[in-house]
Protein backbone atom coordinates (compact mmCIF):
# COMPACT_ATOMS: atom_id res chain seq x y z
CA MET A 1 -124.46 44.80 -69.65
CA LYS A 2 -123.04 41.27 -69.30
CA LYS A 3 -123.54 41.34 -65.54
CA ARG A 4 -127.17 42.38 -66.01
CA ARG A 5 -127.78 39.42 -68.36
CA ILE A 6 -126.31 36.98 -65.87
CA VAL A 7 -128.52 38.36 -63.10
CA LEU A 8 -131.63 38.09 -65.31
CA LEU A 9 -130.73 34.54 -66.38
CA THR A 10 -130.14 33.55 -62.76
CA ILE A 11 -133.55 34.94 -61.73
CA LEU A 12 -135.28 33.17 -64.63
CA LEU A 13 -133.53 29.90 -63.81
CA GLY A 14 -134.57 30.22 -60.16
CA LEU A 15 -138.20 30.85 -61.13
CA LEU A 16 -138.13 27.87 -63.49
CA ILE A 17 -136.80 25.61 -60.74
CA ILE A 18 -139.47 26.82 -58.28
CA GLN A 19 -142.23 26.26 -60.84
CA SER A 20 -140.92 22.76 -61.61
CA ILE A 21 -140.96 21.87 -57.91
CA GLU A 22 -144.55 23.15 -57.60
CA VAL A 23 -145.66 21.09 -60.62
CA LEU A 24 -144.08 17.94 -59.17
CA ALA A 25 -145.66 18.61 -55.77
CA MET A 26 -149.09 19.07 -57.33
CA GLN A 27 -148.73 15.82 -59.27
CA ARG A 28 -147.83 14.06 -56.02
CA THR A 29 -150.76 15.43 -54.05
CA ALA A 30 -153.44 15.56 -56.74
CA PRO A 31 -156.32 13.27 -55.83
CA LEU A 32 -157.47 10.50 -58.12
CA PRO A 33 -159.95 11.50 -60.80
CA ASN A 34 -163.63 10.77 -60.31
CA TYR A 35 -164.36 7.39 -61.81
CA THR A 36 -167.65 6.25 -63.32
CA TYR A 37 -167.69 3.34 -60.86
CA GLU A 38 -166.20 4.21 -57.47
CA THR A 39 -166.44 3.68 -53.74
CA PRO A 40 -165.40 6.68 -51.61
CA ILE A 41 -165.40 6.47 -47.81
CA ILE A 42 -164.84 9.71 -45.87
CA ASN A 43 -163.89 9.89 -42.19
CA TYR A 44 -162.50 12.54 -39.83
CA VAL A 45 -159.63 11.91 -37.43
CA SER A 46 -158.48 14.66 -35.05
CA GLY A 47 -160.38 17.15 -37.24
CA VAL A 48 -158.58 16.06 -40.44
CA GLU A 49 -160.56 14.69 -43.38
CA VAL A 50 -159.48 11.20 -44.48
CA ARG A 51 -160.72 9.65 -47.72
CA PHE A 52 -160.39 6.01 -48.75
CA LYS A 53 -161.39 5.57 -52.38
CA ASN A 54 -161.08 3.23 -55.32
CA GLY A 55 -162.71 3.14 -58.72
CA ILE A 56 -162.86 2.04 -62.33
CA ALA A 57 -163.24 4.27 -65.40
CA GLY A 58 -166.33 4.03 -67.60
CA ASP A 59 -164.43 2.27 -70.39
CA GLN A 60 -163.04 -0.16 -67.77
CA LYS A 61 -159.50 0.34 -69.13
CA THR A 62 -158.11 2.25 -66.12
CA ALA A 63 -158.59 2.05 -62.37
CA GLY A 64 -157.04 3.38 -59.19
CA ALA A 65 -157.13 3.58 -55.40
CA GLU A 66 -156.08 6.21 -52.88
CA THR A 67 -155.75 7.08 -49.23
CA TRP A 68 -155.99 10.87 -49.03
CA THR A 69 -155.90 13.30 -46.11
CA GLY A 70 -156.60 17.00 -45.83
CA ASP A 71 -153.17 17.47 -44.22
CA SER A 72 -149.71 16.77 -45.66
CA ALA A 73 -148.24 15.41 -42.40
CA PRO A 74 -150.18 12.18 -41.72
CA SER A 75 -148.72 8.85 -42.73
CA THR A 76 -150.82 7.05 -45.37
CA TYR A 77 -150.78 3.70 -47.13
CA VAL A 78 -152.87 2.06 -49.86
CA SER A 79 -152.76 -1.40 -51.38
CA ALA A 80 -155.12 -2.47 -54.17
CA ARG A 81 -155.81 -5.57 -56.18
CA PHE A 82 -157.23 -4.84 -59.63
CA TYR A 83 -159.21 -7.65 -61.26
CA TRP A 84 -159.63 -7.92 -65.05
CA GLU A 85 -161.36 -10.21 -67.51
CA ASP A 86 -160.93 -10.86 -71.24
CA HIS A 87 -164.04 -12.29 -72.89
CA VAL A 88 -162.24 -12.80 -76.22
CA SER A 89 -159.58 -15.15 -74.86
CA ASP A 90 -161.77 -16.28 -71.94
CA THR A 91 -159.13 -15.37 -69.32
CA MET A 92 -159.13 -13.54 -66.00
CA GLY A 93 -156.39 -12.15 -63.82
CA SER A 94 -155.38 -9.50 -61.33
CA SER A 95 -152.50 -7.28 -60.33
CA LEU A 96 -151.47 -5.85 -56.95
CA LYS A 97 -150.09 -2.35 -56.34
CA SER A 98 -149.20 -0.59 -53.09
CA GLU A 99 -147.67 2.67 -51.91
CA GLY A 100 -147.11 4.60 -48.70
CA HIS A 101 -146.39 8.35 -48.27
CA ASP A 102 -147.16 11.33 -46.10
CA GLY A 103 -150.44 13.10 -46.85
CA GLN A 104 -151.62 10.93 -49.72
CA SER A 105 -150.89 7.55 -51.24
CA SER A 106 -152.35 6.43 -54.53
CA VAL A 107 -151.89 3.61 -57.01
CA LEU A 108 -153.02 3.33 -60.59
CA ALA A 109 -153.70 0.04 -62.29
CA ASP A 110 -151.84 -0.74 -65.50
CA SER A 111 -153.70 0.63 -68.50
CA LEU A 112 -155.64 -1.95 -70.48
CA ALA A 113 -155.88 0.28 -73.55
CA ASP A 114 -155.42 -1.59 -76.85
CA THR A 115 -156.32 -4.92 -75.22
CA ASN A 116 -159.51 -6.95 -74.92
CA LYS A 117 -159.20 -6.86 -71.14
CA LYS A 118 -161.51 -4.84 -68.87
CA TYR A 119 -161.35 -4.13 -65.15
CA TYR A 120 -164.42 -5.33 -63.28
CA LYS A 121 -163.38 -5.18 -59.60
CA VAL A 122 -161.03 -3.31 -57.25
CA VAL A 123 -160.43 -4.29 -53.62
CA SER A 124 -158.23 -1.92 -51.66
CA SER A 125 -156.81 -1.67 -48.16
CA HIS A 126 -156.17 1.74 -46.55
CA ILE A 127 -154.34 3.07 -43.49
CA ALA A 128 -153.91 6.65 -42.26
CA THR A 129 -152.20 7.71 -39.03
CA ILE A 130 -152.91 11.22 -37.77
CA SER A 131 -151.58 12.55 -34.47
CA GLY A 132 -151.03 9.00 -33.23
CA ASN A 133 -154.55 7.88 -34.19
CA THR A 134 -154.76 5.18 -36.85
CA ILE A 135 -157.79 4.60 -39.03
CA SER A 136 -157.97 1.77 -41.54
CA ASN A 137 -160.26 -0.14 -43.84
CA PRO A 138 -158.99 -3.46 -45.24
CA SER A 139 -161.63 -4.07 -47.90
CA VAL A 140 -162.99 -1.10 -49.83
CA THR A 141 -164.57 -2.71 -52.89
CA THR A 142 -165.85 -1.45 -56.23
CA LEU A 143 -167.53 -4.08 -58.40
CA ILE A 144 -169.03 -3.70 -61.88
CA PRO A 145 -171.83 -6.22 -62.36
């Protein structure tokens, strides 16, 4: 009876570990959400879809940028500058984020929730290397008028 419990607990623990790994992997490879204001650019390299994208949410409190491929092997990189303005304090500023990974790289701007600040522009630079072929775009821009 005790041996049977240990076996069942071991199986349950193994399944829990596998599920946790899958959840983490999905979080890593999940594409950015669709933003109200966004600029997606889609290309194909060696038959693999490559997407360069950045955008700003409708409330202008969040923003992001990504370099995404339809394959997990390619090397990817994204760098984005997120521009904000605050009409209450009459200030402007920006922040820079970058990341590089295999398959997909994405960056999220700091949340501006509970502030008077709003994002109004994102300029991102993207690189993807697939089977020795490199594709890049140094200035994908989303601008809210």
